[in-house]
């Protein structure tokens, strides 16, 4: 056999092996896609996801109530106006631990569903699909954090922790790292962007795209005001976080609770904080409607 024949056979063999590897990769990709779709479409995951939206509704109702308490100076204003404060209030209630366990399952279901959506890549094409996947993964991380928080309170009760100091402690630890100040500023800018996104989504009623049917005038109004109010809270949170990075001081960074308390320290802040607290509560109302009408 000539050298040219050996070369031809080697080339064909290499092509066949490459084709086999490509086929295996395609099959693995298809199997992963089918698994993601099957997970996202599973009735149990869908039910948990809807429960997660209802859990978010309860959480935001309590955050709004605490924010109003901060504004008017009621004893409830001593709690933190964020998810930890909401979990603390729930843990102190009769059957509060049971409610927190249900919320944990709901948030975990939402996280799993968002991961399945990201893996399946059902929304958009090209750059749009990539953006949708990044958004879904980000939401999955957020809901996983909420699931972890509610689980912590379900197991430990109302004394599980105070996020007001935890936020500052975490920020301080990051600031001590190389490029920590830059990282904190970047995170602050991202939070500002998310806040702006919420405001636009509320004002332009884009949240209706997340629903399979129109939920009615009450839900629409609650969504408009709720998204805008939550966006304002996130904007201030991002500004304080970015300021902490610029100054190299974790003091200004105290999460959503710290952002809302900024309003309480101004002459016009009481009225503004009441409006924002009411709006966040309305976001909670919308979330209950979303649990019923959402696309899952």
C-alpha atoms as a PDB file:
ATOM      1  CA  UNK A   1       0.000   0.000   0.000  1.00  0.00           C
ATOM      2  CA  UNK A   2       1.387   3.390  -0.982  1.00  0.00           C
ATOM      3  CA  UNK A   3       1.984   6.270   1.396  1.00  0.00           C
ATOM      4  CA  UNK A   4      -0.854   8.185  -0.247  1.00  0.00           C
ATOM      5  CA  UNK A   5      -3.252   5.300   0.495  1.00  0.00           C
ATOM      6  CA  UNK A   6      -2.166   5.276   4.149  1.00  0.00           C
ATOM      7  CA  UNK A   7      -2.732   9.020   4.323  1.00  0.00           C
ATOM      8  CA  UNK A   8      -6.202   8.711   2.774  1.00  0.00           C
ATOM      9  CA  UNK A   9      -7.216   5.962   5.207  1.00  0.00           C
ATOM     10  CA  UNK A  10      -5.876   7.952   8.159  1.00  0.00           C
ATOM     11  CA  UNK A  11      -7.834  10.982   7.022  1.00  0.00           C
ATOM     12  CA  UNK A  12     -11.046   8.961   6.680  1.00  0.00           C
ATOM     13  CA  UNK A  13     -10.498   7.409  10.101  1.00  0.00           C
ATOM     14  CA  UNK A  14      -9.928  10.813  11.642  1.00  0.00           C
ATOM     15  CA  UNK A  15     -13.059  12.179  10.006  1.00  0.00           C
ATOM     16  CA  UNK A  16     -15.106   9.230  11.286  1.00  0.00           C
ATOM     17  CA  UNK A  17     -13.803   9.683  14.840  1.00  0.00           C
ATOM     18  CA  UNK A  18     -14.501  13.408  14.692  1.00  0.00           C
ATOM     19  CA  UNK A  19     -17.977  12.691  13.394  1.00  0.00           C
ATOM     20  CA  UNK A  20     -18.587  10.230  16.226  1.00  0.00           C
ATOM     21  CA  UNK A  21     -17.462  12.785  18.816  1.00  0.00           C
ATOM     22  CA  UNK A  22     -19.704  15.423  17.254  1.00  0.00           C
ATOM     23  CA  UNK A  23     -22.638  13.010  17.250  1.00  0.00           C
ATOM     24  CA  UNK A  24     -22.076  12.181  20.913  1.00  0.00           C
ATOM     25  CA  UNK A  25     -21.845  15.870  21.766  1.00  0.00           C
ATOM     26  CA  UNK A  26     -25.072  16.593  19.886  1.00  0.00           C
ATOM     27  CA  UNK A  27     -26.852  13.723  21.626  1.00  0.00           C
ATOM     28  CA  UNK A  28     -25.605  14.870  25.027  1.00  0.00           C
ATOM     29  CA  UNK A  29     -26.737  18.413  24.288  1.00  0.00           C
ATOM     30  CA  UNK A  30     -30.143  17.181  23.140  1.00  0.00           C
ATOM     31  CA  UNK A  31     -30.511  14.999  26.237  1.00  0.00           C
ATOM     32  CA  UNK A  32     -29.608  17.906  28.521  1.00  0.00           C
ATOM     33  CA  UNK A  33     -32.103  20.121  26.704  1.00  0.00           C
ATOM     34  CA  UNK A  34     -34.847  17.492  27.041  1.00  0.00           C
ATOM     35  CA  UNK A  35     -34.026  17.047  30.734  1.00  0.00           C
ATOM     36  CA  UNK A  36     -34.230  20.806  31.317  1.00  0.00           C
ATOM     37  CA  UNK A  37     -37.560  21.051  29.500  1.00  0.00           C
ATOM     38  CA  UNK A  38     -38.915  18.050  31.369  1.00  0.00           C
ATOM     39  CA  UNK A  39     -37.860  19.526  34.697  1.00  0.00           C
ATOM     40  CA  UNK A  40     -39.380  22.921  33.956  1.00  0.00           C
ATOM     41  CA  UNK A  41     -42.619  21.358  32.722  1.00  0.00           C
ATOM     42  CA  UNK A  42     -43.004  18.949  35.637  1.00  0.00           C
ATOM     43  CA  UNK A  43     -46.273  19.628  37.512  1.00  0.00           C
ATOM     44  CA  UNK A  44     -44.520  19.526  40.900  1.00  0.00           C
ATOM     45  CA  UNK A  45     -41.940  22.119  39.830  1.00  0.00           C
ATOM     46  CA  UNK A  46     -44.675  24.324  38.383  1.00  0.00           C
ATOM     47  CA  UNK A  47     -46.690  24.092  41.591  1.00  0.00           C
ATOM     48  CA  UNK A  48     -43.622  24.948  43.678  1.00  0.00           C
ATOM     49  CA  UNK A  49     -42.850  27.903  41.411  1.00  0.00           C
ATOM     50  CA  UNK A  50     -46.362  29.286  41.866  1.00  0.00           C
ATOM     51  CA  UNK A  51     -45.977  28.800  45.613  1.00  0.00           C
ATOM     52  CA  UNK A  52     -42.726  30.744  45.364  1.00  0.00           C
ATOM     53  CA  UNK A  53     -44.481  33.734  43.822  1.00  0.00           C
ATOM     54  CA  UNK A  54     -47.070  33.612  46.614  1.00  0.00           C
ATOM     55  CA  UNK A  55     -44.228  33.447  49.150  1.00  0.00           C
ATOM     56  CA  UNK A  56     -42.677  36.501  47.511  1.00  0.00           C
ATOM     57  CA  UNK A  57     -46.036  38.223  47.839  1.00  0.00           C
ATOM     58  CA  UNK A  58     -46.199  37.572  51.584  1.00  0.00           C
ATOM     59  CA  UNK A  59     -42.593  38.661  52.035  1.00  0.00           C
ATOM     60  CA  UNK A  60     -43.129  41.967  50.222  1.00  0.00           C
ATOM     61  CA  UNK A  61     -46.357  42.661  52.099  1.00  0.00           C
ATOM     62  CA  UNK A  62     -44.449  42.425  55.373  1.00  0.00           C
ATOM     63  CA  UNK A  63     -41.514  44.482  54.070  1.00  0.00           C
ATOM     64  CA  UNK A  64     -43.951  47.205  53.042  1.00  0.00           C
ATOM     65  CA  UNK A  65     -45.656  47.077  56.444  1.00  0.00           C
ATOM     66  CA  UNK A  66     -42.311  47.376  58.266  1.00  0.00           C
ATOM     67  CA  UNK A  67     -41.302  50.288  56.016  1.00  0.00           C
ATOM     68  CA  UNK A  68     -44.495  52.132  56.939  1.00  0.00           C
ATOM     69  CA  UNK A  69     -43.737  51.353  60.588  1.00  0.00           C
ATOM     70  CA  UNK A  70     -40.307  52.954  60.204  1.00  0.00           C
ATOM     71  CA  UNK A  71     -41.945  56.045  58.717  1.00  0.00           C
ATOM     72  CA  UNK A  72     -44.532  56.565  61.456  1.00  0.00           C
ATOM     73  CA  UNK A  73     -42.381  55.343  64.333  1.00  0.00           C
ATOM     74  CA  UNK A  74     -44.409  52.317  65.426  1.00  0.00           C
ATOM     75  CA  UNK A  75     -42.755  49.422  67.309  1.00  0.00           C
ATOM     76  CA  UNK A  76     -42.831  47.403  64.097  1.00  0.00           C
ATOM     77  CA  UNK A  77     -40.308  49.855  62.694  1.00  0.00           C
ATOM     78  CA  UNK A  78     -37.658  48.237  64.881  1.00  0.00           C
ATOM     79  CA  UNK A  79     -37.590  45.284  62.460  1.00  0.00           C
ATOM     80  CA  UNK A  80     -35.565  45.400  59.262  1.00  0.00           C
ATOM     81  CA  UNK A  81     -37.438  46.308  56.087  1.00  0.00           C
ATOM     82  CA  UNK A  82     -36.014  43.484  53.988  1.00  0.00           C
ATOM     83  CA  UNK A  83     -36.347  39.745  53.545  1.00  0.00           C
ATOM     84  CA  UNK A  84     -34.684  38.932  56.875  1.00  0.00           C
ATOM     85  CA  UNK A  85     -37.069  41.268  58.670  1.00  0.00           C
ATOM     86  CA  UNK A  86     -40.005  39.609  56.916  1.00  0.00           C
ATOM     87  CA  UNK A  87     -38.762  36.140  57.870  1.00  0.00           C
ATOM     88  CA  UNK A  88     -38.300  37.316  61.466  1.00  0.00           C
ATOM     89  CA  UNK A  89     -41.886  38.569  61.633  1.00  0.00           C
ATOM     90  CA  UNK A  90     -43.222  35.321  60.163  1.00  0.00           C
ATOM     91  CA  UNK A  91     -41.112  33.163  62.505  1.00  0.00           C
ATOM     92  CA  UNK A  92     -42.663  34.931  65.503  1.00  0.00           C
ATOM     93  CA  UNK A  93     -46.208  34.009  64.421  1.00  0.00           C
ATOM     94  CA  UNK A  94     -48.120  30.869  65.424  1.00  0.00           C
ATOM     95  CA  UNK A  95     -47.312  28.210  62.810  1.00  0.00           C
ATOM     96  CA  UNK A  96     -44.668  30.617  61.494  1.00  0.00           C
ATOM     97  CA  UNK A  97     -42.124  27.827  61.112  1.00  0.00           C
ATOM     98  CA  UNK A  98     -44.554  25.876  58.919  1.00  0.00           C
ATOM     99  CA  UNK A  99     -45.139  28.932  56.744  1.00  0.00           C
ATOM    100  CA  UNK A 100     -41.375  29.389  56.392  1.00  0.00           C
ATOM    101  CA  UNK A 101     -40.923  25.754  55.347  1.00  0.00           C
ATOM    102  CA  UNK A 102     -43.586  26.241  52.670  1.00  0.00           C
ATOM    103  CA  UNK A 103     -41.873  29.445  51.543  1.00  0.00           C
ATOM    104  CA  UNK A 104     -38.555  27.582  51.359  1.00  0.00           C
ATOM    105  CA  UNK A 105     -40.081  24.974  49.052  1.00  0.00           C
ATOM    106  CA  UNK A 106     -41.620  27.716  46.931  1.00  0.00           C
ATOM    107  CA  UNK A 107     -38.409  29.693  46.551  1.00  0.00           C
ATOM    108  CA  UNK A 108     -36.468  26.495  45.827  1.00  0.00           C
ATOM    109  CA  UNK A 109     -39.030  25.595  43.176  1.00  0.00           C
ATOM    110  CA  UNK A 110     -38.686  29.013  41.557  1.00  0.00           C
ATOM    111  CA  UNK A 111     -34.909  28.658  41.548  1.00  0.00           C
ATOM    112  CA  UNK A 112     -35.107  25.214  39.941  1.00  0.00           C
ATOM    113  CA  UNK A 113     -37.641  26.404  37.368  1.00  0.00           C
ATOM    114  CA  UNK A 114     -35.474  29.391  36.408  1.00  0.00           C
ATOM    115  CA  UNK A 115     -32.444  27.114  36.007  1.00  0.00           C
ATOM    116  CA  UNK A 116     -34.496  24.806  33.794  1.00  0.00           C
ATOM    117  CA  UNK A 117     -35.608  27.786  31.701  1.00  0.00           C
ATOM    118  CA  UNK A 118     -31.988  28.898  31.320  1.00  0.00           C
ATOM    119  CA  UNK A 119     -30.829  25.426  30.285  1.00  0.00           C
ATOM    120  CA  UNK A 120     -33.709  24.919  27.855  1.00  0.00           C
ATOM    121  CA  UNK A 121     -33.178  28.348  26.274  1.00  0.00           C
ATOM    122  CA  UNK A 122     -36.802  28.787  25.282  1.00  0.00           C
ATOM    123  CA  UNK A 123     -36.786  32.557  24.925  1.00  0.00           C
ATOM    124  CA  UNK A 124     -35.299  34.459  21.993  1.00  0.00           C
ATOM    125  CA  UNK A 125     -32.532  33.725  19.535  1.00  0.00           C
ATOM    126  CA  UNK A 126     -28.856  34.643  19.449  1.00  0.00           C
ATOM    127  CA  UNK A 127     -27.958  37.553  21.719  1.00  0.00           C
ATOM    128  CA  UNK A 128     -31.549  37.733  22.945  1.00  0.00           C
ATOM    129  CA  UNK A 129     -31.420  34.095  24.039  1.00  0.00           C
ATOM    130  CA  UNK A 130     -28.107  34.668  25.824  1.00  0.00           C
ATOM    131  CA  UNK A 131     -29.561  37.645  27.662  1.00  0.00           C
ATOM    132  CA  UNK A 132     -32.626  35.645  28.670  1.00  0.00           C
ATOM    133  CA  UNK A 133     -30.440  32.854  29.994  1.00  0.00           C
ATOM    134  CA  UNK A 134     -28.300  35.245  32.038  1.00  0.00           C
ATOM    135  CA  UNK A 135     -31.454  36.810  33.443  1.00  0.00           C
ATOM    136  CA  UNK A 136     -32.891  33.390  34.331  1.00  0.00           C
ATOM    137  CA  UNK A 137     -29.666  32.283  36.033  1.00  0.00           C
ATOM    138  CA  UNK A 138     -29.550  35.550  38.002  1.00  0.00           C
ATOM    139  CA  UNK A 139     -33.117  34.988  39.186  1.00  0.00           C
ATOM    140  CA  UNK A 140     -32.296  31.387  40.064  1.00  0.00           C
ATOM    141  CA  UNK A 141     -29.461  32.599  42.291  1.00  0.00           C
ATOM    142  CA  UNK A 142     -31.723  35.196  43.917  1.00  0.00           C
ATOM    143  CA  UNK A 143     -34.446  32.653  44.696  1.00  0.00           C
ATOM    144  CA  UNK A 144     -31.850  30.190  45.983  1.00  0.00           C
ATOM    145  CA  UNK A 145     -30.633  32.872  48.407  1.00  0.00           C
ATOM    146  CA  UNK A 146     -34.217  33.502  49.529  1.00  0.00           C
ATOM    147  CA  UNK A 147     -34.765  29.761  49.972  1.00  0.00           C
ATOM    148  CA  UNK A 148     -31.620  29.551  52.085  1.00  0.00           C
ATOM    149  CA  UNK A 149     -32.739  32.521  54.187  1.00  0.00           C
ATOM    150  CA  UNK A 150     -36.240  31.214  54.825  1.00  0.00           C
ATOM    151  CA  UNK A 151     -34.815  27.762  55.617  1.00  0.00           C
ATOM    152  CA  UNK A 152     -32.453  29.320  58.156  1.00  0.00           C
ATOM    153  CA  UNK A 153     -35.339  31.055  59.921  1.00  0.00           C
ATOM    154  CA  UNK A 154     -37.558  27.964  59.700  1.00  0.00           C
ATOM    155  CA  UNK A 155     -34.896  25.981  61.544  1.00  0.00           C
ATOM    156  CA  UNK A 156     -33.628  28.646  63.953  1.00  0.00           C
ATOM    157  CA  UNK A 157     -36.641  30.879  64.564  1.00  0.00           C
ATOM    158  CA  UNK A 158     -36.814  34.660  64.895  1.00  0.00           C
ATOM    159  CA  UNK A 159     -33.255  34.930  66.205  1.00  0.00           C
ATOM    160  CA  UNK A 160     -31.636  33.645  63.013  1.00  0.00           C
ATOM    161  CA  UNK A 161     -29.879  36.914  62.189  1.00  0.00           C
ATOM    162  CA  UNK A 162     -30.054  40.613  61.383  1.00  0.00           C
ATOM    163  CA  UNK A 163     -29.398  41.519  57.760  1.00  0.00           C
ATOM    164  CA  UNK A 164     -28.834  45.169  58.661  1.00  0.00           C
ATOM    165  CA  UNK A 165     -25.433  44.305  60.134  1.00  0.00           C
ATOM    166  CA  UNK A 166     -24.812  41.335  57.835  1.00  0.00           C
ATOM    167  CA  UNK A 167     -24.882  43.571  54.738  1.00  0.00           C
ATOM    168  CA  UNK A 168     -22.325  45.947  56.219  1.00  0.00           C
ATOM    169  CA  UNK A 169     -20.143  43.048  57.401  1.00  0.00           C
ATOM    170  CA  UNK A 170     -20.167  41.401  53.971  1.00  0.00           C
ATOM    171  CA  UNK A 171     -19.376  44.699  52.257  1.00  0.00           C
ATOM    172  CA  UNK A 172     -16.511  45.339  54.684  1.00  0.00           C
ATOM    173  CA  UNK A 173     -15.011  41.904  53.993  1.00  0.00           C
ATOM    174  CA  UNK A 174     -15.121  42.547  50.236  1.00  0.00           C
ATOM    175  CA  UNK A 175     -13.592  46.009  50.654  1.00  0.00           C
ATOM    176  CA  UNK A 176     -10.609  44.407  52.395  1.00  0.00           C
ATOM    177  CA  UNK A 177      -9.824  42.363  49.276  1.00  0.00           C
ATOM    178  CA  UNK A 178      -7.720  43.513  46.299  1.00  0.00           C
ATOM    179  CA  UNK A 179      -9.948  45.449  43.893  1.00  0.00           C
ATOM    180  CA  UNK A 180     -12.698  45.136  46.507  1.00  0.00           C
ATOM    181  CA  UNK A 181     -13.721  48.772  46.187  1.00  0.00           C
ATOM    182  CA  UNK A 182     -14.043  48.431  42.415  1.00  0.00           C
ATOM    183  CA  UNK A 183     -16.114  45.275  42.820  1.00  0.00           C
ATOM    184  CA  UNK A 184     -18.470  46.958  45.304  1.00  0.00           C
ATOM    185  CA  UNK A 185     -18.936  49.916  42.952  1.00  0.00           C
ATOM    186  CA  UNK A 186     -19.710  47.548  40.066  1.00  0.00           C
ATOM    187  CA  UNK A 187     -22.250  45.645  42.165  1.00  0.00           C
ATOM    188  CA  UNK A 188     -23.794  48.954  43.213  1.00  0.00           C
ATOM    189  CA  UNK A 189     -24.132  50.024  39.583  1.00  0.00           C
ATOM    190  CA  UNK A 190     -25.741  46.681  38.729  1.00  0.00           C
ATOM    191  CA  UNK A 191     -28.276  47.152  41.540  1.00  0.00           C
ATOM    192  CA  UNK A 192     -28.972  50.672  40.249  1.00  0.00           C
ATOM    193  CA  UNK A 193     -29.597  49.188  36.812  1.00  0.00           C
ATOM    194  CA  UNK A 194     -31.949  46.572  38.257  1.00  0.00           C
ATOM    195  CA  UNK A 195     -33.805  49.322  40.097  1.00  0.00           C
ATOM    196  CA  UNK A 196     -34.190  51.316  36.903  1.00  0.00           C
ATOM    197  CA  UNK A 197     -35.377  48.186  35.109  1.00  0.00           C
ATOM    198  CA  UNK A 198     -38.082  47.679  37.746  1.00  0.00           C
ATOM    199  CA  UNK A 199     -39.270  51.265  37.388  1.00  0.00           C
ATOM    200  CA  UNK A 200     -39.494  51.010  33.596  1.00  0.00           C
ATOM    201  CA  UNK A 201     -41.170  47.608  33.821  1.00  0.00           C
ATOM    202  CA  UNK A 202     -43.804  49.056  36.119  1.00  0.00           C
ATOM    203  CA  UNK A 203     -44.437  52.325  34.304  1.00  0.00           C
ATOM    204  CA  UNK A 204     -44.647  50.637  30.888  1.00  0.00           C
ATOM    205  CA  UNK A 205     -46.613  47.670  32.253  1.00  0.00           C
ATOM    206  CA  UNK A 206     -44.139  45.190  30.829  1.00  0.00           C
ATOM    207  CA  UNK A 207     -44.859  42.859  33.738  1.00  0.00           C
ATOM    208  CA  UNK A 208     -48.055  41.874  31.934  1.00  0.00           C
ATOM    209  CA  UNK A 209     -45.851  39.933  29.492  1.00  0.00           C
ATOM    210  CA  UNK A 210     -45.064  37.519  32.328  1.00  0.00           C
ATOM    211  CA  UNK A 211     -48.713  36.493  32.586  1.00  0.00           C
ATOM    212  CA  UNK A 212     -50.813  34.120  30.495  1.00  0.00           C
ATOM    213  CA  UNK A 213     -53.913  36.293  30.804  1.00  0.00           C
ATOM    214  CA  UNK A 214     -54.838  39.781  31.974  1.00  0.00           C
ATOM    215  CA  UNK A 215     -55.249  39.555  35.768  1.00  0.00           C
ATOM    216  CA  UNK A 216     -57.635  42.497  36.061  1.00  0.00           C
ATOM    217  CA  UNK A 217     -57.415  46.195  36.868  1.00  0.00           C
ATOM    218  CA  UNK A 218     -56.457  45.732  40.528  1.00  0.00           C
ATOM    219  CA  UNK A 219     -53.490  43.511  39.704  1.00  0.00           C
ATOM    220  CA  UNK A 220     -52.403  45.859  36.913  1.00  0.00           C
ATOM    221  CA  UNK A 221     -52.439  48.912  39.194  1.00  0.00           C
ATOM    222  CA  UNK A 222     -50.691  46.982  41.954  1.00  0.00           C
ATOM    223  CA  UNK A 223     -48.016  45.862  39.504  1.00  0.00           C
ATOM    224  CA  UNK A 224     -47.439  49.354  38.127  1.00  0.00           C
ATOM    225  CA  UNK A 225     -47.053  50.975  41.536  1.00  0.00           C
ATOM    226  CA  UNK A 226     -45.315  47.977  43.084  1.00  0.00           C
ATOM    227  CA  UNK A 227     -42.595  47.619  40.469  1.00  0.00           C
ATOM    228  CA  UNK A 228     -41.918  51.366  40.517  1.00  0.00           C
ATOM    229  CA  UNK A 229     -41.715  51.508  44.326  1.00  0.00           C
ATOM    230  CA  UNK A 230     -39.446  48.484  44.527  1.00  0.00           C
ATOM    231  CA  UNK A 231     -37.292  50.031  41.806  1.00  0.00           C
ATOM    232  CA  UNK A 232     -36.860  53.224  43.832  1.00  0.00           C
ATOM    233  CA  UNK A 233     -35.793  51.180  46.847  1.00  0.00           C
ATOM    234  CA  UNK A 234     -33.263  49.266  44.745  1.00  0.00           C
ATOM    235  CA  UNK A 235     -31.949  52.486  43.191  1.00  0.00           C
ATOM    236  CA  UNK A 236     -31.179  53.953  46.601  1.00  0.00           C
ATOM    237  CA  UNK A 237     -29.688  50.634  47.728  1.00  0.00           C
ATOM    238  CA  UNK A 238     -27.381  50.642  44.704  1.00  0.00           C
ATOM    239  CA  UNK A 239     -26.353  54.260  45.261  1.00  0.00           C
ATOM    240  CA  UNK A 240     -25.442  53.535  48.894  1.00  0.00           C
ATOM    241  CA  UNK A 241     -23.536  50.420  47.866  1.00  0.00           C
ATOM    242  CA  UNK A 242     -21.598  52.289  45.181  1.00  0.00           C
ATOM    243  CA  UNK A 243     -20.885  55.078  47.681  1.00  0.00           C
ATOM    244  CA  UNK A 244     -19.474  52.502  50.091  1.00  0.00           C
ATOM    245  CA  UNK A 245     -17.116  51.336  47.363  1.00  0.00           C
ATOM    246  CA  UNK A 246     -16.015  54.850  46.428  1.00  0.00           C
ATOM    247  CA  UNK A 247     -15.435  55.843  50.060  1.00  0.00           C
ATOM    248  CA  UNK A 248     -13.934  52.511  51.086  1.00  0.00           C
ATOM    249  CA  UNK A 249     -16.329  52.486  54.036  1.00  0.00           C
ATOM    250  CA  UNK A 250     -18.983  49.816  54.570  1.00  0.00           C
ATOM    251  CA  UNK A 251     -21.053  52.113  56.786  1.00  0.00           C
ATOM    252  CA  UNK A 252     -23.454  53.391  54.081  1.00  0.00           C
ATOM    253  CA  UNK A 253     -24.143  49.860  52.807  1.00  0.00           C
ATOM    254  CA  UNK A 254     -26.965  48.328  54.813  1.00  0.00           C
ATOM    255  CA  UNK A 255     -29.146  46.785  52.133  1.00  0.00           C
ATOM    256  CA  UNK A 256     -32.737  47.671  51.365  1.00  0.00           C
ATOM    257  CA  UNK A 257     -33.480  48.421  55.017  1.00  0.00           C
ATOM    258  CA  UNK A 258     -30.681  50.979  55.149  1.00  0.00           C
ATOM    259  CA  UNK A 259     -31.856  52.523  51.894  1.00  0.00           C
ATOM    260  CA  UNK A 260     -35.395  52.968  53.201  1.00  0.00           C
ATOM    261  CA  UNK A 261     -34.143  54.443  56.476  1.00  0.00           C
ATOM    262  CA  UNK A 262     -32.368  57.126  54.448  1.00  0.00           C
ATOM    263  CA  UNK A 263     -35.807  58.513  53.634  1.00  0.00           C
ATOM    264  CA  UNK A 264     -36.787  58.456  57.306  1.00  0.00           C
ATOM    265  CA  UNK A 265     -33.937  60.834  58.093  1.00  0.00           C
ATOM    266  CA  UNK A 266     -35.198  63.649  55.849  1.00  0.00           C
ATOM    267  CA  UNK A 267     -37.856  66.300  56.404  1.00  0.00           C
ATOM    268  CA  UNK A 268     -39.965  64.927  53.570  1.00  0.00           C
ATOM    269  CA  UNK A 269     -38.957  61.327  54.180  1.00  0.00           C
ATOM    270  CA  UNK A 270     -41.956  60.224  56.218  1.00  0.00           C
ATOM    271  CA  UNK A 271     -44.387  60.772  53.359  1.00  0.00           C
ATOM    272  CA  UNK A 272     -41.949  59.298  50.824  1.00  0.00           C
ATOM    273  CA  UNK A 273     -41.322  56.228  52.963  1.00  0.00           C
ATOM    274  CA  UNK A 274     -45.042  55.665  53.480  1.00  0.00           C
ATOM    275  CA  UNK A 275     -45.541  55.811  49.710  1.00  0.00           C
ATOM    276  CA  UNK A 276     -42.633  53.450  49.036  1.00  0.00           C
ATOM    277  CA  UNK A 277     -43.752  51.056  51.772  1.00  0.00           C
ATOM    278  CA  UNK A 278     -47.270  51.061  50.360  1.00  0.00           C
ATOM    279  CA  UNK A 279     -45.861  50.445  46.887  1.00  0.00           C
ATOM    280  CA  UNK A 280     -43.737  47.515  48.053  1.00  0.00           C
ATOM    281  CA  UNK A 281     -46.821  46.094  49.732  1.00  0.00           C
ATOM    282  CA  UNK A 282     -48.704  46.459  46.451  1.00  0.00           C
ATOM    283  CA  UNK A 283     -45.878  44.572  44.742  1.00  0.00           C
ATOM    284  CA  UNK A 284     -46.714  41.804  47.191  1.00  0.00           C
ATOM    285  CA  UNK A 285     -50.368  41.982  46.159  1.00  0.00           C
ATOM    286  CA  UNK A 286     -49.343  41.716  42.497  1.00  0.00           C
ATOM    287  CA  UNK A 287     -47.163  38.706  43.338  1.00  0.00           C
ATOM    288  CA  UNK A 288     -50.232  36.838  44.603  1.00  0.00           C
ATOM    289  CA  UNK A 289     -51.925  37.493  41.270  1.00  0.00           C
ATOM    290  CA  UNK A 290     -48.751  36.408  39.498  1.00  0.00           C
ATOM    291  CA  UNK A 291     -48.847  33.111  41.373  1.00  0.00           C
ATOM    292  CA  UNK A 292     -52.177  32.499  39.657  1.00  0.00           C
ATOM    293  CA  UNK A 293     -51.555  33.966  36.200  1.00  0.00           C
ATOM    294  CA  UNK A 294     -47.801  33.585  35.654  1.00  0.00           C
ATOM    295  CA  UNK A 295     -46.284  31.733  32.700  1.00  0.00           C
ATOM    296  CA  UNK A 296     -44.865  28.477  34.078  1.00  0.00           C
END
